[in-house]
């Protein structure tokens, strides 16, 4: 399949699914977390597909690879928040586990994308 847009990228689609799952999870979290960890989780999760899209729109492979790296950083930030939420027992354990599985898949895809953008010399 030819990639005409970032919307054609499976990693972008999967990261959008991940962000949607985070939104669903955070809706169920205690209201007092809204301006604490909940907002940070949403920001980190939406940053992943946003950085993939922005990188795709950049002029060079090097720039694109940099934005993919930023997306991975946001993904790891999200994973940390989800692990903290699990540790504090303020969200459904099964939903957290599912989000962590999705994040792991997106992480592998981002790693592969970055490797294609910046081949080893």
PDB file of N, CA and C in Angstrom:
ATOM      1  N   UNK A   1       0.829  -1.180   0.000  1.00  0.00           N
ATOM      2  CA  UNK A   1       0.000   0.000   0.000  1.00  0.00           C
ATOM      3  C   UNK A   1       0.873   1.244   0.000  1.00  0.00           C
ATOM      4  N   UNK A   2       0.553   2.156  -0.866  1.00  0.00           N
ATOM      5  CA  UNK A   2       1.304   3.407  -0.960  1.00  0.00           C
ATOM      6  C   UNK A   2       0.891   4.345   0.170  1.00  0.00           C
ATOM      7  N   UNK A   3       1.880   4.992   0.767  1.00  0.00           N
ATOM      8  CA  UNK A   3       1.618   5.950   1.836  1.00  0.00           C
ATOM      9  C   UNK A   3       1.531   7.343   1.223  1.00  0.00           C
ATOM     10  N   UNK A   4       0.334   7.874   1.188  1.00  0.00           N
ATOM     11  CA  UNK A   4       0.120   9.213   0.647  1.00  0.00           C
ATOM     12  C   UNK A   4       0.009  10.241   1.766  1.00  0.00           C
ATOM     13  N   UNK A   5      -0.350   9.769   2.929  1.00  0.00           N
ATOM     14  CA  UNK A   5      -0.597  10.648   4.071  1.00  0.00           C
ATOM     15  C   UNK A   5      -0.187   9.915   5.345  1.00  0.00           C
ATOM     16  N   UNK A   6       0.060  10.669   6.385  1.00  0.00           N
ATOM     17  CA  UNK A   6       0.332  10.041   7.676  1.00  0.00           C
ATOM     18  C   UNK A   6      -0.847   9.181   8.107  1.00  0.00           C
ATOM     19  N   UNK A   7      -2.052   9.499   7.632  1.00  0.00           N
ATOM     20  CA  UNK A   7      -3.242   8.723   7.989  1.00  0.00           C
ATOM     21  C   UNK A   7      -3.225   7.325   7.395  1.00  0.00           C
ATOM     22  N   UNK A   8      -2.345   7.090   6.426  1.00  0.00           N
ATOM     23  CA  UNK A   8      -2.192   5.759   5.845  1.00  0.00           C
ATOM     24  C   UNK A   8      -1.256   4.871   6.671  1.00  0.00           C
ATOM     25  N   UNK A   9      -0.510   5.460   7.583  1.00  0.00           N
ATOM     26  CA  UNK A   9       0.471   4.719   8.372  1.00  0.00           C
ATOM     27  C   UNK A   9      -0.216   3.910   9.473  1.00  0.00           C
ATOM     28  N   UNK A  10       0.076   2.623   9.524  1.00  0.00           N
ATOM     29  CA  UNK A  10      -0.506   1.768  10.555  1.00  0.00           C
ATOM     30  C   UNK A  10      -0.102   2.241  11.948  1.00  0.00           C
ATOM     31  N   UNK A  11       1.122   2.722  12.110  1.00  0.00           N
ATOM     32  CA  UNK A  11       1.565   3.181  13.426  1.00  0.00           C
ATOM     33  C   UNK A  11       0.756   4.396  13.876  1.00  0.00           C
ATOM     34  N   UNK A  12       0.384   5.260  12.946  1.00  0.00           N
ATOM     35  CA  UNK A  12      -0.451   6.411  13.298  1.00  0.00           C
ATOM     36  C   UNK A  12      -1.843   5.932  13.714  1.00  0.00           C
ATOM     37  N   UNK A  13      -2.406   4.987  12.955  1.00  0.00           N
ATOM     38  CA  UNK A  13      -3.730   4.450  13.281  1.00  0.00           C
ATOM     39  C   UNK A  13      -3.732   3.790  14.661  1.00  0.00           C
ATOM     40  N   UNK A  14      -2.702   2.997  14.922  1.00  0.00           N
ATOM     41  CA  UNK A  14      -2.616   2.302  16.217  1.00  0.00           C
ATOM     42  C   UNK A  14      -2.417   3.301  17.369  1.00  0.00           C
ATOM     43  N   UNK A  15      -1.661   4.355  17.114  1.00  0.00           N
ATOM     44  CA  UNK A  15      -1.460   5.353  18.169  1.00  0.00           C
ATOM     45  C   UNK A  15      -2.737   6.162  18.409  1.00  0.00           C
ATOM     46  N   UNK A  16      -3.547   6.351  17.375  1.00  0.00           N
ATOM     47  CA  UNK A  16      -4.862   6.991  17.560  1.00  0.00           C
ATOM     48  C   UNK A  16      -5.768   6.098  18.408  1.00  0.00           C
ATOM     49  N   UNK A  17      -5.745   4.795  18.141  1.00  0.00           N
ATOM     50  CA  UNK A  17      -6.519   3.845  18.954  1.00  0.00           C
ATOM     51  C   UNK A  17      -6.060   3.885  20.404  1.00  0.00           C
ATOM     52  N   UNK A  18      -4.756   3.973  20.600  1.00  0.00           N
ATOM     53  CA  UNK A  18      -4.200   4.056  21.943  1.00  0.00           C
ATOM     54  C   UNK A  18      -4.684   5.321  22.654  1.00  0.00           C
ATOM     55  N   UNK A  19      -4.632   6.456  21.976  1.00  0.00           N
ATOM     56  CA  UNK A  19      -5.094   7.707  22.572  1.00  0.00           C
ATOM     57  C   UNK A  19      -6.577   7.616  22.942  1.00  0.00           C
ATOM     58  N   UNK A  20      -7.369   7.000  22.086  1.00  0.00           N
ATOM     59  CA  UNK A  20      -8.797   6.833  22.382  1.00  0.00           C
ATOM     60  C   UNK A  20      -8.997   5.947  23.614  1.00  0.00           C
ATOM     61  N   UNK A  21      -8.192   4.907  23.739  1.00  0.00           N
ATOM     62  CA  UNK A  21      -8.278   4.028  24.912  1.00  0.00           C
ATOM     63  C   UNK A  21      -7.916   4.789  26.184  1.00  0.00           C
ATOM     64  N   UNK A  22      -6.941   5.672  26.084  1.00  0.00           N
ATOM     65  CA  UNK A  22      -6.550   6.482  27.243  1.00  0.00           C
ATOM     66  C   UNK A  22      -7.697   7.421  27.628  1.00  0.00           C
ATOM     67  N   UNK A  23      -8.336   8.027  26.653  1.00  0.00           N
ATOM     68  CA  UNK A  23      -9.501   8.875  26.942  1.00  0.00           C
ATOM     69  C   UNK A  23     -10.572   8.078  27.676  1.00  0.00           C
ATOM     70  N   UNK A  24     -10.861   6.862  27.203  1.00  0.00           N
ATOM     71  CA  UNK A  24     -11.884   6.039  27.859  1.00  0.00           C
ATOM     72  C   UNK A  24     -11.477   5.695  29.289  1.00  0.00           C
ATOM     73  N   UNK A  25     -10.214   5.362  29.482  1.00  0.00           N
ATOM     74  CA  UNK A  25      -9.730   5.034  30.823  1.00  0.00           C
ATOM     75  C   UNK A  25      -9.821   6.235  31.759  1.00  0.00           C
ATOM     76  N   UNK A  26      -9.376   7.380  31.287  1.00  0.00           N
ATOM     77  CA  UNK A  26      -9.332   8.548  32.174  1.00  0.00           C
ATOM     78  C   UNK A  26     -10.725   9.050  32.547  1.00  0.00           C
ATOM     79  N   UNK A  27     -11.723   8.797  31.712  1.00  0.00           N
ATOM     80  CA  UNK A  27     -13.103   9.168  32.059  1.00  0.00           C
ATOM     81  C   UNK A  27     -13.586   8.439  33.298  1.00  0.00           C
ATOM     82  N   UNK A  28     -13.014   7.283  33.578  1.00  0.00           N
ATOM     83  CA  UNK A  28     -13.440   6.462  34.710  1.00  0.00           C
ATOM     84  C   UNK A  28     -12.617   6.730  35.967  1.00  0.00           C
ATOM     85  N   UNK A  29     -11.591   7.552  35.835  1.00  0.00           N
ATOM     86  CA  UNK A  29     -10.732   7.826  36.986  1.00  0.00           C
ATOM     87  C   UNK A  29     -11.389   8.857  37.905  1.00  0.00           C
ATOM     88  N   UNK A  30     -10.970   8.898  39.174  1.00  0.00           N
ATOM     89  CA  UNK A  30     -11.569   9.853  40.124  1.00  0.00           C
ATOM     90  C   UNK A  30     -11.447  11.296  39.629  1.00  0.00           C
ATOM     91  N   UNK A  31     -12.487  12.071  39.902  1.00  0.00           N
ATOM     92  CA  UNK A  31     -12.556  13.464  39.442  1.00  0.00           C
ATOM     93  C   UNK A  31     -11.375  14.289  39.959  1.00  0.00           C
ATOM     94  N   UNK A  32     -10.892  14.003  41.159  1.00  0.00           N
ATOM     95  CA  UNK A  32      -9.785  14.795  41.712  1.00  0.00           C
ATOM     96  C   UNK A  32      -8.486  14.614  40.935  1.00  0.00           C
ATOM     97  N   UNK A  33      -8.430  13.610  40.072  1.00  0.00           N
ATOM     98  CA  UNK A  33      -7.238  13.383  39.250  1.00  0.00           C
ATOM     99  C   UNK A  33      -7.280  14.157  37.935  1.00  0.00           C
ATOM    100  N   UNK A  34      -8.414  14.825  37.649  1.00  0.00           N
ATOM    101  CA  UNK A  34      -8.602  15.480  36.359  1.00  0.00           C
ATOM    102  C   UNK A  34      -7.478  16.451  36.010  1.00  0.00           C
ATOM    103  N   UNK A  35      -7.033  17.245  36.943  1.00  0.00           N
ATOM    104  CA  UNK A  35      -5.983  18.231  36.667  1.00  0.00           C
ATOM    105  C   UNK A  35      -4.618  17.766  37.149  1.00  0.00           C
ATOM    106  N   UNK A  36      -4.534  16.513  37.489  1.00  0.00           N
ATOM    107  CA  UNK A  36      -3.255  15.942  37.891  1.00  0.00           C
ATOM    108  C   UNK A  36      -2.837  14.923  36.834  1.00  0.00           C
ATOM    109  N   UNK A  37      -2.904  13.669  37.146  1.00  0.00           N
ATOM    110  CA  UNK A  37      -2.374  12.647  36.242  1.00  0.00           C
ATOM    111  C   UNK A  37      -3.235  12.443  34.985  1.00  0.00           C
ATOM    112  N   UNK A  38      -4.542  12.628  35.097  1.00  0.00           N
ATOM    113  CA  UNK A  38      -5.426  12.417  33.944  1.00  0.00           C
ATOM    114  C   UNK A  38      -5.048  13.319  32.782  1.00  0.00           C
ATOM    115  N   UNK A  39      -4.875  14.597  33.046  1.00  0.00           N
ATOM    116  CA  UNK A  39      -4.543  15.530  31.962  1.00  0.00           C
ATOM    117  C   UNK A  39      -3.176  15.216  31.366  1.00  0.00           C
ATOM    118  N   UNK A  40      -2.246  14.758  32.178  1.00  0.00           N
ATOM    119  CA  UNK A  40      -0.918  14.395  31.667  1.00  0.00           C
ATOM    120  C   UNK A  40      -0.987  13.145  30.795  1.00  0.00           C
ATOM    121  N   UNK A  41      -1.827  12.186  31.189  1.00  0.00           N
ATOM    122  CA  UNK A  41      -1.988  10.967  30.388  1.00  0.00           C
ATOM    123  C   UNK A  41      -2.579  11.297  29.022  1.00  0.00           C
ATOM    124  N   UNK A  42      -3.578  12.163  29.008  1.00  0.00           N
ATOM    125  CA  UNK A  42      -4.204  12.544  27.739  1.00  0.00           C
ATOM    126  C   UNK A  42      -3.205  13.296  26.865  1.00  0.00           C
ATOM    127  N   UNK A  43      -2.480  14.223  27.450  1.00  0.00           N
ATOM    128  CA  UNK A  43      -1.497  14.988  26.689  1.00  0.00           C
ATOM    129  C   UNK A  43      -0.436  14.071  26.088  1.00  0.00           C
ATOM    130  N   UNK A  44       0.096  13.144  26.883  1.00  0.00           N
ATOM    131  CA  UNK A  44       1.134  12.231  26.390  1.00  0.00           C
ATOM    132  C   UNK A  44       0.586  11.314  25.290  1.00  0.00           C
ATOM    133  N   UNK A  45      -0.634  10.808  25.487  1.00  0.00           N
ATOM    134  CA  UNK A  45      -1.187   9.868  24.493  1.00  0.00           C
ATOM    135  C   UNK A  45      -1.499  10.560  23.173  1.00  0.00           C
ATOM    136  N   UNK A  46      -1.983  11.782  23.219  1.00  0.00           N
ATOM    137  CA  UNK A  46      -2.298  12.482  21.971  1.00  0.00           C
ATOM    138  C   UNK A  46      -1.045  13.004  21.285  1.00  0.00           C
ATOM    139  N   UNK A  47       0.015  13.160  22.044  1.00  0.00           N
ATOM    140  CA  UNK A  47       1.282  13.615  21.477  1.00  0.00           C
ATOM    141  C   UNK A  47       1.888  12.576  20.524  1.00  0.00           C
ATOM    142  N   UNK A  48       1.598  11.312  20.757  1.00  0.00           N
ATOM    143  CA  UNK A  48       2.189  10.261  19.916  1.00  0.00           C
ATOM    144  C   UNK A  48       1.716  10.380  18.463  1.00  0.00           C
ATOM    145  N   UNK A  49       0.406  10.300  18.182  1.00  0.00           N
ATOM    146  CA  UNK A  49       0.001  10.429  16.778  1.00  0.00           C
ATOM    147  C   UNK A  49       0.267  11.829  16.215  1.00  0.00           C
ATOM    148  N   UNK A  50       0.198  12.849  17.068  1.00  0.00           N
ATOM    149  CA  UNK A  50       0.455  14.215  16.590  1.00  0.00           C
ATOM    150  C   UNK A  50       1.890  14.370  16.105  1.00  0.00           C
ATOM    151  N   UNK A  51       2.846  13.785  16.819  1.00  0.00           N
ATOM    152  CA  UNK A  51       4.245  13.873  16.401  1.00  0.00           C
ATOM    153  C   UNK A  51       4.530  13.023  15.172  1.00  0.00           C
ATOM    154  N   UNK A  52       3.846  11.899  15.038  1.00  0.00           N
ATOM    155  CA  UNK A  52       3.987  11.095  13.815  1.00  0.00           C
ATOM    156  C   UNK A  52       3.506  11.920  12.626  1.00  0.00           C
ATOM    157  N   UNK A  53       2.357  12.556  12.779  1.00  0.00           N
ATOM    158  CA  UNK A  53       1.798  13.368  11.698  1.00  0.00           C
ATOM    159  C   UNK A  53       2.707  14.548  11.369  1.00  0.00           C
ATOM    160  N   UNK A  54       3.171  15.246  12.400  1.00  0.00           N
ATOM    161  CA  UNK A  54       4.032  16.397  12.150  1.00  0.00           C
ATOM    162  C   UNK A  54       5.333  15.976  11.481  1.00  0.00           C
ATOM    163  N   UNK A  55       5.917  14.901  11.953  1.00  0.00           N
ATOM    164  CA  UNK A  55       7.154  14.409  11.351  1.00  0.00           C
ATOM    165  C   UNK A  55       6.972  14.020   9.899  1.00  0.00           C
ATOM    166  N   UNK A  56       5.845  13.391   9.603  1.00  0.00           N
ATOM    167  CA  UNK A  56       5.564  12.983   8.225  1.00  0.00           C
ATOM    168  C   UNK A  56       5.487  14.196   7.305  1.00  0.00           C
ATOM    169  N   UNK A  57       5.034  15.312   7.856  1.00  0.00           N
ATOM    170  CA  UNK A  57       4.898  16.521   7.058  1.00  0.00           C
ATOM    171  C   UNK A  57       6.177  17.327   6.914  1.00  0.00           C
ATOM    172  N   UNK A  58       7.226  16.928   7.591  1.00  0.00           N
ATOM    173  CA  UNK A  58       8.497  17.639   7.506  1.00  0.00           C
ATOM    174  C   UNK A  58       9.218  17.314   6.219  1.00  0.00           C
ATOM    175  N   UNK A  59      10.192  18.145   5.892  1.00  0.00           N
ATOM    176  CA  UNK A  59      10.858  18.029   4.599  1.00  0.00           C
ATOM    177  C   UNK A  59      11.944  16.981   4.498  1.00  0.00           C
ATOM    178  N   UNK A  60      12.494  16.550   5.632  1.00  0.00           N
ATOM    179  CA  UNK A  60      13.616  15.616   5.537  1.00  0.00           C
ATOM    180  C   UNK A  60      13.373  14.370   6.381  1.00  0.00           C
ATOM    181  N   UNK A  61      14.060  13.306   6.013  1.00  0.00           N
ATOM    182  CA  UNK A  61      13.990  12.067   6.788  1.00  0.00           C
ATOM    183  C   UNK A  61      14.544  12.276   8.193  1.00  0.00           C
ATOM    184  N   UNK A  62      15.580  13.110   8.295  1.00  0.00           N
ATOM    185  CA  UNK A  62      16.176  13.390   9.602  1.00  0.00           C
ATOM    186  C   UNK A  62      15.159  14.067  10.527  1.00  0.00           C
ATOM    187  N   UNK A  63      14.444  15.059  10.000  1.00  0.00           N
ATOM    188  CA  UNK A  63      13.404  15.718  10.797  1.00  0.00           C
ATOM    189  C   UNK A  63      12.308  14.733  11.191  1.00  0.00           C
ATOM    190  N   UNK A  64      11.895  13.922  10.220  1.00  0.00           N
ATOM    191  CA  UNK A  64      10.858  12.929  10.476  1.00  0.00           C
ATOM    192  C   UNK A  64      11.305  11.972  11.584  1.00  0.00           C
ATOM    193  N   UNK A  65      12.540  11.501  11.493  1.00  0.00           N
ATOM    194  CA  UNK A  65      13.071  10.585  12.506  1.00  0.00           C
ATOM    195  C   UNK A  65      13.087  11.248  13.884  1.00  0.00           C
ATOM    196  N   UNK A  66      13.387  12.537  13.926  1.00  0.00           N
ATOM    197  CA  UNK A  66      13.390  13.252  15.203  1.00  0.00           C
ATOM    198  C   UNK A  66      11.984  13.275  15.809  1.00  0.00           C
ATOM    199  N   UNK A  67      10.976  13.522  14.997  1.00  0.00           N
ATOM    200  CA  UNK A  67       9.609  13.548  15.513  1.00  0.00           C
ATOM    201  C   UNK A  67       9.138  12.157  15.926  1.00  0.00           C
ATOM    202  N   UNK A  68       9.611  11.135  15.246  1.00  0.00           N
ATOM    203  CA  UNK A  68       9.305   9.765  15.668  1.00  0.00           C
ATOM    204  C   UNK A  68       9.932   9.500  17.036  1.00  0.00           C
ATOM    205  N   UNK A  69      11.123  10.006  17.251  1.00  0.00           N
ATOM    206  CA  UNK A  69      11.774   9.863  18.565  1.00  0.00           C
ATOM    207  C   UNK A  69      10.992  10.593  19.644  1.00  0.00           C
ATOM    208  N   UNK A  70      10.494  11.763  19.322  1.00  0.00           N
ATOM    209  CA  UNK A  70       9.677  12.516  20.283  1.00  0.00           C
ATOM    210  C   UNK A  70       8.398  11.730  20.601  1.00  0.00           C
ATOM    211  N   UNK A  71       7.804  11.128  19.587  1.00  0.00           N
ATOM    212  CA  UNK A  71       6.607  10.308  19.793  1.00  0.00           C
ATOM    213  C   UNK A  71       6.910   9.147  20.741  1.00  0.00           C
ATOM    214  N   UNK A  72       8.075   8.514  20.564  1.00  0.00           N
ATOM    215  CA  UNK A  72       8.469   7.409  21.471  1.00  0.00           C
ATOM    216  C   UNK A  72       8.632   7.913  22.890  1.00  0.00           C
ATOM    217  N   UNK A  73       9.211   9.110  23.039  1.00  0.00           N
ATOM    218  CA  UNK A  73       9.356   9.684  24.375  1.00  0.00           C
ATOM    219  C   UNK A  73       8.005   9.906  25.041  1.00  0.00           C
ATOM    220  N   UNK A  74       7.058  10.432  24.288  1.00  0.00           N
ATOM    221  CA  UNK A  74       5.705  10.630  24.821  1.00  0.00           C
ATOM    222  C   UNK A  74       5.054   9.298  25.173  1.00  0.00           C
ATOM    223  N   UNK A  75       5.315   8.298  24.361  1.00  0.00           N
ATOM    224  CA  UNK A  75       4.773   6.969  24.631  1.00  0.00           C
ATOM    225  C   UNK A  75       5.321   6.408  25.941  1.00  0.00           C
ATOM    226  N   UNK A  76       6.603   6.572  26.174  1.00  0.00           N
ATOM    227  CA  UNK A  76       7.203   6.090  27.421  1.00  0.00           C
ATOM    228  C   UNK A  76       6.687   6.885  28.621  1.00  0.00           C
ATOM    229  N   UNK A  77       6.435   8.164  28.411  1.00  0.00           N
ATOM    230  CA  UNK A  77       5.825   8.989  29.459  1.00  0.00           C
ATOM    231  C   UNK A  77       4.438   8.431  29.795  1.00  0.00           C
ATOM    232  N   UNK A  78       3.650   8.136  28.769  1.00  0.00           N
ATOM    233  CA  UNK A  78       2.323   7.565  28.984  1.00  0.00           C
ATOM    234  C   UNK A  78       2.406   6.247  29.744  1.00  0.00           C
ATOM    235  N   UNK A  79       3.313   5.371  29.325  1.00  0.00           N
ATOM    236  CA  UNK A  79       3.465   4.079  30.010  1.00  0.00           C
ATOM    237  C   UNK A  79       3.747   4.287  31.493  1.00  0.00           C
ATOM    238  N   UNK A  80       4.592   5.257  31.809  1.00  0.00           N
ATOM    239  CA  UNK A  80       4.926   5.536  33.205  1.00  0.00           C
ATOM    240  C   UNK A  80       3.685   5.967  33.986  1.00  0.00           C
ATOM    241  N   UNK A  81       2.866   6.833  33.386  1.00  0.00           N
ATOM    242  CA  UNK A  81       1.630   7.267  34.048  1.00  0.00           C
ATOM    243  C   UNK A  81       0.675   6.099  34.258  1.00  0.00           C
ATOM    244  N   UNK A  82       0.554   5.237  33.259  1.00  0.00           N
ATOM    245  CA  UNK A  82      -0.345   4.082  33.388  1.00  0.00           C
ATOM    246  C   UNK A  82       0.158   3.147  34.483  1.00  0.00           C
ATOM    247  N   UNK A  83       1.443   2.930  34.539  1.00  0.00           N
ATOM    248  CA  UNK A  83       2.001   2.085  35.602  1.00  0.00           C
ATOM    249  C   UNK A  83       1.767   2.702  36.982  1.00  0.00           C
ATOM    250  N   UNK A  84       1.869   4.009  37.068  1.00  0.00           N
ATOM    251  CA  UNK A  84       1.600   4.691  38.337  1.00  0.00           C
ATOM    252  C   UNK A  84       0.130   4.555  38.730  1.00  0.00           C
ATOM    253  N   UNK A  85      -0.749   4.723  37.769  1.00  0.00           N
ATOM    254  CA  UNK A  85      -2.187   4.582  38.015  1.00  0.00           C
ATOM    255  C   UNK A  85      -2.497   3.167  38.495  1.00  0.00           C
ATOM    256  N   UNK A  86      -1.856   2.178  37.884  1.00  0.00           N
ATOM    257  CA  UNK A  86      -2.026   0.778  38.331  1.00  0.00           C
ATOM    258  C   UNK A  86      -1.521   0.625  39.752  1.00  0.00           C
ATOM    259  N   UNK A  87      -0.353   1.168  40.009  1.00  0.00           N
ATOM    260  CA  UNK A  87       0.264   1.060  41.333  1.00  0.00           C
ATOM    261  C   UNK A  87      -0.621   1.695  42.412  1.00  0.00           C
ATOM    262  N   UNK A  88      -1.232   2.834  42.084  1.00  0.00           N
ATOM    263  CA  UNK A  88      -2.098   3.539  43.026  1.00  0.00           C
ATOM    264  C   UNK A  88      -3.506   2.958  43.081  1.00  0.00           C
ATOM    265  N   UNK A  89      -3.806   2.047  42.158  1.00  0.00           N
ATOM    266  CA  UNK A  89      -5.112   1.387  42.079  1.00  0.00           C
ATOM    267  C   UNK A  89      -6.249   2.398  41.904  1.00  0.00           C
ATOM    268  N   UNK A  90      -6.043   3.347  40.987  1.00  0.00           N
ATOM    269  CA  UNK A  90      -7.087   4.345  40.733  1.00  0.00           C
ATOM    270  C   UNK A  90      -7.726   4.171  39.355  1.00  0.00           C
ATOM    271  N   UNK A  91      -7.445   3.054  38.704  1.00  0.00           N
ATOM    272  CA  UNK A  91      -8.078   2.759  37.417  1.00  0.00           C
ATOM    273  C   UNK A  91      -8.179   1.247  37.262  1.00  0.00           C
ATOM    274  N   UNK A  92      -9.022   0.844  36.347  1.00  0.00           N
ATOM    275  CA  UNK A  92      -9.253  -0.564  36.084  1.00  0.00           C
ATOM    276  C   UNK A  92      -7.968  -1.241  35.611  1.00  0.00           C
ATOM    277  N   UNK A  93      -7.596  -2.300  36.298  1.00  0.00           N
ATOM    278  CA  UNK A  93      -6.351  -3.015  36.008  1.00  0.00           C
ATOM    279  C   UNK A  93      -6.335  -3.608  34.602  1.00  0.00           C
ATOM    280  N   UNK A  94      -7.463  -4.169  34.160  1.00  0.00           N
ATOM    281  CA  UNK A  94      -7.520  -4.769  32.827  1.00  0.00           C
ATOM    282  C   UNK A  94      -7.358  -3.724  31.735  1.00  0.00           C
ATOM    283  N   UNK A  95      -7.984  -2.560  31.920  1.00  0.00           N
ATOM    284  CA  UNK A  95      -7.831  -1.488  30.934  1.00  0.00           C
ATOM    285  C   UNK A  95      -6.395  -0.996  30.896  1.00  0.00           C
ATOM    286  N   UNK A  96      -5.783  -0.867  32.057  1.00  0.00           N
ATOM    287  CA  UNK A  96      -4.381  -0.442  32.112  1.00  0.00           C
ATOM    288  C   UNK A  96      -3.496  -1.454  31.394  1.00  0.00           C
ATOM    289  N   UNK A  97      -3.723  -2.735  31.640  1.00  0.00           N
ATOM    290  CA  UNK A  97      -2.927  -3.776  30.989  1.00  0.00           C
ATOM    291  C   UNK A  97      -3.103  -3.724  29.474  1.00  0.00           C
ATOM    292  N   UNK A  98      -4.322  -3.502  29.028  1.00  0.00           N
ATOM    293  CA  UNK A  98      -4.588  -3.411  27.585  1.00  0.00           C
ATOM    294  C   UNK A  98      -3.863  -2.210  26.979  1.00  0.00           C
ATOM    295  N   UNK A  99      -3.884  -1.088  27.667  1.00  0.00           N
ATOM    296  CA  UNK A  99      -3.194   0.110  27.180  1.00  0.00           C
ATOM    297  C   UNK A  99      -1.695  -0.140  27.116  1.00  0.00           C
ATOM    298  N   UNK A 100      -1.154  -0.807  28.115  1.00  0.00           N
ATOM    299  CA  UNK A 100       0.274  -1.115  28.106  1.00  0.00           C
ATOM    300  C   UNK A 100       0.637  -2.038  26.938  1.00  0.00           C
ATOM    301  N   UNK A 101      -0.244  -2.990  26.619  1.00  0.00           N
ATOM    302  CA  UNK A 101      -0.004  -3.867  25.462  1.00  0.00           C
ATOM    303  C   UNK A 101      -0.033  -3.070  24.165  1.00  0.00           C
ATOM    304  N   UNK A 102      -1.006  -2.182  24.030  1.00  0.00           N
ATOM    305  CA  UNK A 102      -1.089  -1.332  22.844  1.00  0.00           C
ATOM    306  C   UNK A 102       0.153  -0.452  22.733  1.00  0.00           C
ATOM    307  N   UNK A 103       0.576   0.106  23.851  1.00  0.00           N
ATOM    308  CA  UNK A 103       1.758   0.972  23.859  1.00  0.00           C
ATOM    309  C   UNK A 103       3.000   0.204  23.436  1.00  0.00           C
ATOM    310  N   UNK A 104       3.105  -1.035  23.877  1.00  0.00           N
ATOM    311  CA  UNK A 104       4.249  -1.856  23.493  1.00  0.00           C
ATOM    312  C   UNK A 104       4.262  -2.093  21.982  1.00  0.00           C
ATOM    313  N   UNK A 105       3.097  -2.357  21.413  1.00  0.00           N
ATOM    314  CA  UNK A 105       3.014  -2.562  19.970  1.00  0.00           C
ATOM    315  C   UNK A 105       3.392  -1.284  19.216  1.00  0.00           C
ATOM    316  N   UNK A 106       2.866  -0.148  19.654  1.00  0.00           N
ATOM    317  CA  UNK A 106       3.191   1.127  19.005  1.00  0.00           C
ATOM    318  C   UNK A 106       4.682   1.420  19.149  1.00  0.00           C
ATOM    319  N   UNK A 107       5.254   1.113  20.291  1.00  0.00           N
ATOM    320  CA  UNK A 107       6.687   1.330  20.512  1.00  0.00           C
ATOM    321  C   UNK A 107       7.528   0.549  19.504  1.00  0.00           C
ATOM    322  N   UNK A 108       7.181  -0.721  19.306  1.00  0.00           N
ATOM    323  CA  UNK A 108       7.910  -1.535  18.334  1.00  0.00           C
ATOM    324  C   UNK A 108       7.775  -0.955  16.924  1.00  0.00           C
ATOM    325  N   UNK A 109       6.588  -0.485  16.595  1.00  0.00           N
ATOM    326  CA  UNK A 109       6.357   0.087  15.268  1.00  0.00           C
ATOM    327  C   UNK A 109       7.138   1.389  15.087  1.00  0.00           C
ATOM    328  N   UNK A 110       7.192   2.218  16.123  1.00  0.00           N
ATOM    329  CA  UNK A 110       7.956   3.464  16.050  1.00  0.00           C
ATOM    330  C   UNK A 110       9.447   3.180  15.904  1.00  0.00           C
ATOM    331  N   UNK A 111       9.923   2.173  16.613  1.00  0.00           N
ATOM    332  CA  UNK A 111      11.330   1.793  16.505  1.00  0.00           C
ATOM    333  C   UNK A 111      11.657   1.357  15.081  1.00  0.00           C
ATOM    334  N   UNK A 112      10.774   0.564  14.487  1.00  0.00           N
ATOM    335  CA  UNK A 112      10.989   0.100  13.115  1.00  0.00           C
ATOM    336  C   UNK A 112      10.919   1.263  12.121  1.00  0.00           C
ATOM    337  N   UNK A 113       9.981   2.168  12.329  1.00  0.00           N
ATOM    338  CA  UNK A 113       9.864   3.329  11.438  1.00  0.00           C
ATOM    339  C   UNK A 113      11.113   4.186  11.508  1.00  0.00           C
ATOM    340  N   UNK A 114      11.576   4.436  12.712  1.00  0.00           N
ATOM    341  CA  UNK A 114      12.779   5.262  12.868  1.00  0.00           C
ATOM    342  C   UNK A 114      13.989   4.593  12.204  1.00  0.00           C
ATOM    343  N   UNK A 115      14.094   3.280  12.340  1.00  0.00           N
ATOM    344  CA  UNK A 115      15.205   2.548  11.715  1.00  0.00           C
ATOM    345  C   UNK A 115      15.167   2.661  10.199  1.00  0.00           C
ATOM    346  N   UNK A 116      13.970   2.704   9.623  1.00  0.00           N
ATOM    347  CA  UNK A 116      13.857   2.873   8.168  1.00  0.00           C
ATOM    348  C   UNK A 116      14.201   4.295   7.746  1.00  0.00           C
ATOM    349  N   UNK A 117      13.943   5.247   8.614  1.00  0.00           N
ATOM    350  CA  UNK A 117      14.222   6.652   8.280  1.00  0.00           C
ATOM    351  C   UNK A 117      15.697   6.996   8.402  1.00  0.00           C
ATOM    352  N   UNK A 118      16.357   6.393   9.374  1.00  0.00           N
ATOM    353  CA  UNK A 118      17.777   6.684   9.617  1.00  0.00           C
ATOM    354  C   UNK A 118      18.537   5.361   9.626  1.00  0.00           C
ATOM    355  N   UNK A 119      18.859   4.831   8.450  1.00  0.00           N
ATOM    356  CA  UNK A 119      19.567   3.554   8.402  1.00  0.00           C
ATOM    357  C   UNK A 119      20.955   3.672   9.028  1.00  0.00           C
ATOM    358  N   UNK A 120      21.362   2.591   9.631  1.00  0.00           N
ATOM    359  CA  UNK A 120      22.699   2.546  10.224  1.00  0.00           C
ATOM    360  C   UNK A 120      23.751   2.588   9.134  1.00  0.00           C
ATOM    361  N   UNK A 121      24.847   3.251   9.440  1.00  0.00           N
ATOM    362  CA  UNK A 121      25.932   3.357   8.461  1.00  0.00           C
ATOM    363  C   UNK A 121      27.057   2.403   8.769  1.00  0.00           C
TER     364      UNK A 121
END
